[in-house]
Every structure is written in C-alpha cells, then in structure tokens.
Amino acid sequence: TTITRGGTTRYPDSVKGRFTISRDNAKNTVYLQM
C-alpha cells in the first residue's frame, strides 16, 4: 500500500478492504492496520 504526502492511498486487490494505511505527520509515523 501507498500513502502520498497529500494523503492519497492506493491498495492492490489482494489487500483492498482488509488493510488500511494512515500517517501521523506530527509523530513522523506511518501505520498499517491489517
């Protein structure tokens, strides 16, 4: 999965609907909820 600096996300079909990417710029951290 990808999350752009603008917050746009992309997922392949294999994980779409199951995985979620997010980012917290204040914490300099990216997350992957599976």
All heavy atoms as atom14 arrays in JSON, in Angstrom:
{
  "sequence": "TTITRGGTTRYPDSVKGRFTISRDNAKNTVYLQM",
  "atom14_mask": [
    [1, 1, 1, 1, 1, 1, 1, 0, 0, 0, 0, 0, 0, 0],
    [1, 1, 1, 1, 1, 1, 1, 0, 0, 0, 0, 0, 0, 0],
    [1, 1, 1, 1, 1, 1, 1, 1, 0, 0, 0, 0, 0, 0],
    [1, 1, 1, 1, 1, 1, 1, 0, 0, 0, 0, 0, 0, 0],
    [1, 1, 1, 1, 1, 1, 1, 1, 1, 1, 1, 0, 0, 0],
    [1, 1, 1, 1, 0, 0, 0, 0, 0, 0, 0, 0, 0, 0],
    [1, 1, 1, 1, 0, 0, 0, 0, 0, 0, 0, 0, 0, 0],
    [1, 1, 1, 1, 1, 1, 1, 0, 0, 0, 0, 0, 0, 0],
    [1, 1, 1, 1, 1, 1, 1, 0, 0, 0, 0, 0, 0, 0],
    [1, 1, 1, 1, 1, 1, 1, 1, 1, 1, 1, 0, 0, 0],
    [1, 1, 1, 1, 1, 1, 1, 1, 1, 1, 1, 1, 0, 0],
    [1, 1, 1, 1, 1, 1, 1, 0, 0, 0, 0, 0, 0, 0],
    [1, 1, 1, 1, 1, 1, 1, 1, 0, 0, 0, 0, 0, 0],
    [1, 1, 1, 1, 1, 1, 0, 0, 0, 0, 0, 0, 0, 0],
    [1, 1, 1, 1, 1, 1, 1, 0, 0, 0, 0, 0, 0, 0],
    [1, 1, 1, 1, 1, 1, 1, 1, 1, 0, 0, 0, 0, 0],
    [1, 1, 1, 1, 0, 0, 0, 0, 0, 0, 0, 0, 0, 0],
    [1, 1, 1, 1, 1, 1, 1, 1, 1, 1, 1, 0, 0, 0],
    [1, 1, 1, 1, 1, 1, 1, 1, 1, 1, 1, 0, 0, 0],
    [1, 1, 1, 1, 1, 1, 1, 0, 0, 0, 0, 0, 0, 0],
    [1, 1, 1, 1, 1, 1, 1, 1, 0, 0, 0, 0, 0, 0],
    [1, 1, 1, 1, 1, 1, 0, 0, 0, 0, 0, 0, 0, 0],
    [1, 1, 1, 1, 1, 1, 1, 1, 1, 1, 1, 0, 0, 0],
    [1, 1, 1, 1, 1, 1, 1, 1, 0, 0, 0, 0, 0, 0],
    [1, 1, 1, 1, 1, 1, 1, 1, 0, 0, 0, 0, 0, 0],
    [1, 1, 1, 1, 1, 0, 0, 0, 0, 0, 0, 0, 0, 0],
    [1, 1, 1, 1, 1, 1, 1, 1, 1, 0, 0, 0, 0, 0],
    [1, 1, 1, 1, 1, 1, 1, 1, 0, 0, 0, 0, 0, 0],
    [1, 1, 1, 1, 1, 1, 1, 0, 0, 0, 0, 0, 0, 0],
    [1, 1, 1, 1, 1, 1, 1, 0, 0, 0, 0, 0, 0, 0],
    [1, 1, 1, 1, 1, 1, 1, 1, 1, 1, 1, 1, 0, 0],
    [1, 1, 1, 1, 1, 1, 1, 1, 0, 0, 0, 0, 0, 0],
    [1, 1, 1, 1, 1, 1, 1, 1, 1, 0, 0, 0, 0, 0],
    [1, 1, 1, 1, 1, 1, 1, 1, 0, 0, 0, 0, 0, 0]
  ],
  "atom14_positions": [
    [[0.83, -1.2, 0.0], [0.0, 0.0, 0.0], [0.87, 1.25, 0.0], [2.04, 1.2, 0.39], [-0.94, 0.01, 1.21], [-1.74, 1.21, 1.2], [-0.18, -0.03, 2.52], [0.0, 0.0, 0.0], [0.0, 0.0, 0.0], [0.0, 0.0, 0.0], [0.0, 0.0, 0.0], [0.0, 0.0, 0.0], [0.0, 0.0, 0.0], [0.0, 0.0, 0.0]],
    [[0.28, 2.33, -0.44], [0.96, 3.63, -0.5], [0.07, 4.7, 0.09], [-1.16, 4.67, -0.08], [1.23, 4.01, -1.97], [2.11, 3.08, -2.56], [1.83, 5.4, -2.07], [0.0, 0.0, 0.0], [0.0, 0.0, 0.0], [0.0, 0.0, 0.0], [0.0, 0.0, 0.0], [0.0, 0.0, 0.0], [0.0, 0.0, 0.0], [0.0, 0.0, 0.0]],
    [[0.7, 5.65, 0.76], [0.01, 6.88, 1.13], [0.92, 8.03, 0.72], [2.09, 8.09, 1.1], [-0.36, 6.94, 2.62], [-1.18, 8.2, 2.92], [0.86, 6.85, 3.53], [-1.89, 8.16, 4.27], [0.0, 0.0, 0.0], [0.0, 0.0, 0.0], [0.0, 0.0, 0.0], [0.0, 0.0, 0.0], [0.0, 0.0, 0.0], [0.0, 0.0, 0.0]],
    [[0.41, 8.9, -0.12], [1.22, 10.01, -0.6], [1.33, 11.09, 0.47], [0.62, 11.06, 1.48], [0.63, 10.61, -1.87], [-0.61, 11.26, -1.53], [0.38, 9.55, -2.93], [0.0, 0.0, 0.0], [0.0, 0.0, 0.0], [0.0, 0.0, 0.0], [0.0, 0.0, 0.0], [0.0, 0.0, 0.0], [0.0, 0.0, 0.0], [0.0, 0.0, 0.0]],
    [[2.19, 12.06, 0.21], [2.32, 13.15, 1.18], [1.02, 13.94, 1.27], [0.78, 14.57, 2.3], [3.47, 14.06, 0.78], [3.36, 14.66, -0.61], [4.63, 15.42, -0.94], [4.61, 15.95, -2.31], [5.6, 16.64, -2.84], [6.68, 16.89, -2.14], [5.5, 17.08, -4.07], [0.0, 0.0, 0.0], [0.0, 0.0, 0.0], [0.0, 0.0, 0.0]],
    [[0.2, 13.86, 0.24], [-1.09, 14.54, 0.27], [-2.2, 13.71, 0.89], [-3.33, 14.17, 1.02], [0.0, 0.0, 0.0], [0.0, 0.0, 0.0], [0.0, 0.0, 0.0], [0.0, 0.0, 0.0], [0.0, 0.0, 0.0], [0.0, 0.0, 0.0], [0.0, 0.0, 0.0], [0.0, 0.0, 0.0], [0.0, 0.0, 0.0], [0.0, 0.0, 0.0]],
    [[-1.89, 12.45, 1.24], [-2.88, 11.6, 1.9], [-3.62, 10.65, 0.99], [-4.5, 9.9, 1.44], [0.0, 0.0, 0.0], [0.0, 0.0, 0.0], [0.0, 0.0, 0.0], [0.0, 0.0, 0.0], [0.0, 0.0, 0.0], [0.0, 0.0, 0.0], [0.0, 0.0, 0.0], [0.0, 0.0, 0.0], [0.0, 0.0, 0.0], [0.0, 0.0, 0.0]],
    [[-3.28, 10.62, -0.3], [-3.92, 9.68, -1.21], [-3.39, 8.28, -0.96], [-2.19, 8.08, -0.81], [-3.64, 10.07, -2.67], [-4.16, 11.39, -2.9], [-4.31, 9.09, -3.62], [0.0, 0.0, 0.0], [0.0, 0.0, 0.0], [0.0, 0.0, 0.0], [0.0, 0.0, 0.0], [0.0, 0.0, 0.0], [0.0, 0.0, 0.0], [0.0, 0.0, 0.0]],
    [[-4.3, 7.31, -0.92], [-3.91, 5.94, -0.64], [-4.21, 5.04, -1.84], [-5.12, 5.31, -2.63], [-4.66, 5.4, 0.59], [-6.07, 5.47, 0.36], [-4.3, 6.2, 1.82], [0.0, 0.0, 0.0], [0.0, 0.0, 0.0], [0.0, 0.0, 0.0], [0.0, 0.0, 0.0], [0.0, 0.0, 0.0], [0.0, 0.0, 0.0], [0.0, 0.0, 0.0]],
    [[-3.44, 3.99, -1.95], [-3.63, 3.0, -3.01], [-3.37, 1.63, -2.45], [-2.46, 1.44, -1.62], [-2.69, 3.26, -4.2], [-3.02, 4.51, -4.99], [-2.21, 4.55, -6.27], [-0.81, 4.82, -6.02], [-0.27, 6.02, -5.95], [-1.03, 7.09, -6.1], [1.03, 6.18, -5.75], [0.0, 0.0, 0.0], [0.0, 0.0, 0.0], [0.0, 0.0, 0.0]],
    [[-4.18, 0.67, -2.92], [-4.07, -0.71, -2.46], [-4.22, -1.66, -3.64], [-5.07, -1.45, -4.49], [-5.18, -1.05, -1.45], [-5.27, -0.14, -0.26], [-6.06, 1.01, -0.29], [-4.57, -0.43, 0.9], [-6.14, 1.85, 0.81], [-4.64, 0.4, 2.01], [-5.43, 1.54, 1.95], [-5.51, 2.36, 3.04], [0.0, 0.0, 0.0], [0.0, 0.0, 0.0]],
    [[-3.45, -2.74, -3.66], [-3.71, -3.77, -4.65], [-4.95, -4.56, -4.25], [-5.38, -4.52, -3.09], [-2.45, -4.64, -4.59], [-1.97, -4.49, -3.18], [-2.31, -3.08, -2.79], [0.0, 0.0, 0.0], [0.0, 0.0, 0.0], [0.0, 0.0, 0.0], [0.0, 0.0, 0.0], [0.0, 0.0, 0.0], [0.0, 0.0, 0.0], [0.0, 0.0, 0.0]],
    [[-5.51, -5.27, -5.2], [-6.73, -6.03, -4.93], [-6.54, -7.06, -3.81], [-7.48, -7.39, -3.1], [-7.21, -6.74, -6.2], [-7.77, -5.77, -7.23], [-8.08, -4.63, -6.84], [-7.88, -6.17, -8.4], [0.0, 0.0, 0.0], [0.0, 0.0, 0.0], [0.0, 0.0, 0.0], [0.0, 0.0, 0.0], [0.0, 0.0, 0.0], [0.0, 0.0, 0.0]],
    [[-5.32, -7.56, -3.65], [-5.06, -8.62, -2.67], [-5.3, -8.16, -1.23], [-5.55, -9.0, -0.36], [-3.63, -9.13, -2.81], [-2.7, -8.07, -2.64], [0.0, 0.0, 0.0], [0.0, 0.0, 0.0], [0.0, 0.0, 0.0], [0.0, 0.0, 0.0], [0.0, 0.0, 0.0], [0.0, 0.0, 0.0], [0.0, 0.0, 0.0], [0.0, 0.0, 0.0]],
    [[-5.23, -6.87, -0.97], [-5.4, -6.38, 0.4], [-6.52, -5.35, 0.52], [-6.86, -4.95, 1.63], [-4.1, -5.78, 0.96], [-2.96, -6.77, 0.84], [-3.75, -4.46, 0.3], [0.0, 0.0, 0.0], [0.0, 0.0, 0.0], [0.0, 0.0, 0.0], [0.0, 0.0, 0.0], [0.0, 0.0, 0.0], [0.0, 0.0, 0.0], [0.0, 0.0, 0.0]],
    [[-7.09, -4.94, -0.59], [-8.12, -3.91, -0.57], [-9.29, -4.35, 0.29], [-9.76, -5.49, 0.18], [-8.58, -3.6, -2.0], [-9.37, -2.33, -2.14], [-9.67, -2.05, -3.62], [-8.41, -1.77, -4.4], [-8.68, -1.45, -5.82], [0.0, 0.0, 0.0], [0.0, 0.0, 0.0], [0.0, 0.0, 0.0], [0.0, 0.0, 0.0], [0.0, 0.0, 0.0]],
    [[-9.74, -3.47, 1.16], [-10.84, -3.79, 2.05], [-10.41, -4.45, 3.34], [-11.21, -4.56, 4.28], [0.0, 0.0, 0.0], [0.0, 0.0, 0.0], [0.0, 0.0, 0.0], [0.0, 0.0, 0.0], [0.0, 0.0, 0.0], [0.0, 0.0, 0.0], [0.0, 0.0, 0.0], [0.0, 0.0, 0.0], [0.0, 0.0, 0.0], [0.0, 0.0, 0.0]],
    [[-9.17, -4.89, 3.41], [-8.66, -5.53, 4.64], [-7.57, -4.7, 5.3], [-7.44, -4.7, 6.52], [-8.11, -6.93, 4.32], [-9.12, -7.86, 3.71], [-8.56, -9.29, 3.59], [-7.38, -9.36, 2.73], [-6.19, -9.82, 3.13], [-6.01, -10.23, 4.37], [-5.17, -9.88, 2.27], [0.0, 0.0, 0.0], [0.0, 0.0, 0.0], [0.0, 0.0, 0.0]],
    [[-6.75, -4.04, 4.53], [-5.63, -3.26, 5.04], [-5.93, -1.77, 4.9], [-6.54, -1.34, 3.91], [-4.36, -3.57, 4.27], [-3.77, -4.94, 4.51], [-4.47, -5.93, 5.17], [-2.49, -5.23, 4.05], [-3.92, -7.18, 5.39], [-1.92, -6.47, 4.25], [-2.64, -7.45, 4.91], [0.0, 0.0, 0.0], [0.0, 0.0, 0.0], [0.0, 0.0, 0.0]],
    [[-5.45, -1.0, 5.87], [-5.61, 0.45, 5.82], [-4.3, 1.11, 6.23], [-3.77, 0.81, 7.3], [-6.72, 0.92, 6.76], [-7.95, 0.27, 6.42], [-6.91, 2.43, 6.65], [0.0, 0.0, 0.0], [0.0, 0.0, 0.0], [0.0, 0.0, 0.0], [0.0, 0.0, 0.0], [0.0, 0.0, 0.0], [0.0, 0.0, 0.0], [0.0, 0.0, 0.0]],
    [[-3.81, 1.98, 5.38], [-2.61, 2.74, 5.7], [-3.03, 4.12, 6.19], [-4.01, 4.7, 5.71], [-1.66, 2.85, 4.48], [-0.32, 3.43, 4.88], [-2.31, 3.63, 3.34], [0.74, 3.38, 3.78], [0.0, 0.0, 0.0], [0.0, 0.0, 0.0], [0.0, 0.0, 0.0], [0.0, 0.0, 0.0], [0.0, 0.0, 0.0], [0.0, 0.0, 0.0]],
    [[-2.28, 4.65, 7.14], [-2.52, 6.0, 7.62], [-1.19, 6.6, 8.06], [-0.21, 5.87, 8.23], [-3.52, 6.01, 8.78], [-3.03, 5.25, 9.87], [0.0, 0.0, 0.0], [0.0, 0.0, 0.0], [0.0, 0.0, 0.0], [0.0, 0.0, 0.0], [0.0, 0.0, 0.0], [0.0, 0.0, 0.0], [0.0, 0.0, 0.0], [0.0, 0.0, 0.0]],
    [[-1.18, 7.89, 8.21], [0.05, 8.55, 8.65], [-0.28, 9.63, 9.65], [-1.34, 10.25, 9.59], [0.8, 9.12, 7.45], [0.12, 10.25, 6.72], [0.82, 10.59, 5.4], [2.19, 11.04, 5.63], [3.15, 11.04, 4.67], [2.87, 10.6, 3.46], [4.35, 11.5, 4.96], [0.0, 0.0, 0.0], [0.0, 0.0, 0.0], [0.0, 0.0, 0.0]],
    [[0.68, 9.85, 10.54], [0.58, 10.93, 11.53], [1.84, 11.76, 11.37], [2.91, 11.38, 11.87], [0.46, 10.35, 12.93], [0.22, 11.4, 13.99], [0.59, 12.58, 13.76], [-0.31, 11.07, 15.06], [0.0, 0.0, 0.0], [0.0, 0.0, 0.0], [0.0, 0.0, 0.0], [0.0, 0.0, 0.0], [0.0, 0.0, 0.0], [0.0, 0.0, 0.0]],
    [[1.73, 12.86, 10.66], [2.91, 13.68, 10.39], [3.47, 14.31, 11.67], [4.67, 14.58, 11.75], [2.57, 14.76, 9.37], [2.37, 14.19, 7.98], [2.79, 13.08, 7.67], [1.7, 14.97, 7.13], [0.0, 0.0, 0.0], [0.0, 0.0, 0.0], [0.0, 0.0, 0.0], [0.0, 0.0, 0.0], [0.0, 0.0, 0.0], [0.0, 0.0, 0.0]],
    [[2.64, 14.52, 12.65], [3.13, 15.08, 13.92], [4.03, 14.09, 14.66], [4.92, 14.49, 15.41], [1.96, 15.48, 14.8], [0.0, 0.0, 0.0], [0.0, 0.0, 0.0], [0.0, 0.0, 0.0], [0.0, 0.0, 0.0], [0.0, 0.0, 0.0], [0.0, 0.0, 0.0], [0.0, 0.0, 0.0], [0.0, 0.0, 0.0], [0.0, 0.0, 0.0]],
    [[3.78, 12.79, 14.43], [4.58, 11.75, 15.09], [5.59, 11.12, 14.14], [6.28, 10.17, 14.53], [3.66, 10.67, 15.65], [2.74, 11.17, 16.76], [1.9, 10.03, 17.33], [1.02, 10.53, 18.47], [0.17, 9.45, 19.04], [0.0, 0.0, 0.0], [0.0, 0.0, 0.0], [0.0, 0.0, 0.0], [0.0, 0.0, 0.0], [0.0, 0.0, 0.0]],
    [[5.64, 11.61, 12.89], [6.57, 11.06, 11.91], [6.42, 9.54, 11.76], [7.41, 8.81, 11.65], [8.03, 11.39, 12.28], [8.29, 12.88, 12.29], [7.68, 13.63, 11.53], [9.2, 13.31, 13.14], [0.0, 0.0, 0.0], [0.0, 0.0, 0.0], [0.0, 0.0, 0.0], [0.0, 0.0, 0.0], [0.0, 0.0, 0.0], [0.0, 0.0, 0.0]],
    [[5.19, 9.1, 11.75], [4.91, 7.68, 11.77], [3.83, 7.32, 10.76], [2.86, 8.07, 10.57], [4.46, 7.24, 13.18], [5.51, 7.53, 14.12], [4.15, 5.76, 13.23], [0.0, 0.0, 0.0], [0.0, 0.0, 0.0], [0.0, 0.0, 0.0], [0.0, 0.0, 0.0], [0.0, 0.0, 0.0], [0.0, 0.0, 0.0], [0.0, 0.0, 0.0]],
    [[4.04, 6.17, 10.13], [3.03, 5.61, 9.24], [2.56, 4.29, 9.84], [3.35, 3.57, 10.47], [3.57, 5.43, 7.81], [4.73, 4.45, 7.76], [2.47, 5.03, 6.85], [0.0, 0.0, 0.0], [0.0, 0.0, 0.0], [0.0, 0.0, 0.0], [0.0, 0.0, 0.0], [0.0, 0.0, 0.0], [0.0, 0.0, 0.0], [0.0, 0.0, 0.0]],
    [[1.29, 4.0, 9.64], [0.69, 2.81, 10.23], [0.1, 1.92, 9.13], [-0.29, 2.39, 8.07], [-0.43, 3.19, 11.2], [0.01, 4.13, 12.3], [-0.18, 5.5, 12.19], [0.63, 3.64, 13.44], [0.22, 6.36, 13.19], [1.03, 4.49, 14.45], [0.83, 5.87, 14.32], [1.24, 6.72, 15.32], [0.0, 0.0, 0.0], [0.0, 0.0, 0.0]],
    [[0.01, 0.64, 9.46], [-0.69, -0.3, 8.59], [-1.6, -1.15, 9.46], [-1.11, -1.99, 10.22], [0.3, -1.18, 7.82], [-0.34, -2.2, 6.88], [-1.13, -1.49, 5.78], [0.72, -3.1, 6.26], [0.0, 0.0, 0.0], [0.0, 0.0, 0.0], [0.0, 0.0, 0.0], [0.0, 0.0, 0.0], [0.0, 0.0, 0.0], [0.0, 0.0, 0.0]],
    [[-2.88, -0.9, 9.35], [-3.88, -1.71, 10.05], [-4.26, -2.87, 9.14], [-4.71, -2.65, 8.01], [-5.11, -0.87, 10.38], [-6.22, -1.65, 11.06], [-5.84, -2.13, 12.45], [-5.26, -1.38, 13.23], [-6.17, -3.38, 12.76], [0.0, 0.0, 0.0], [0.0, 0.0, 0.0], [0.0, 0.0, 0.0], [0.0, 0.0, 0.0], [0.0, 0.0, 0.0]],
    [[-4.07, -4.07, 9.63], [-4.34, -5.27, 8.84], [-5.43, -6.08, 9.53], [-5.22, -6.54, 10.66], [-3.07, -6.11, 8.67], [-1.9, -5.32, 8.08], [-0.46, -6.36, 7.74], [0.01, -6.8, 9.4], [0.0, 0.0, 0.0], [0.0, 0.0, 0.0], [0.0, 0.0, 0.0], [0.0, 0.0, 0.0], [0.0, 0.0, 0.0], [0.0, 0.0, 0.0]]
  ]
}
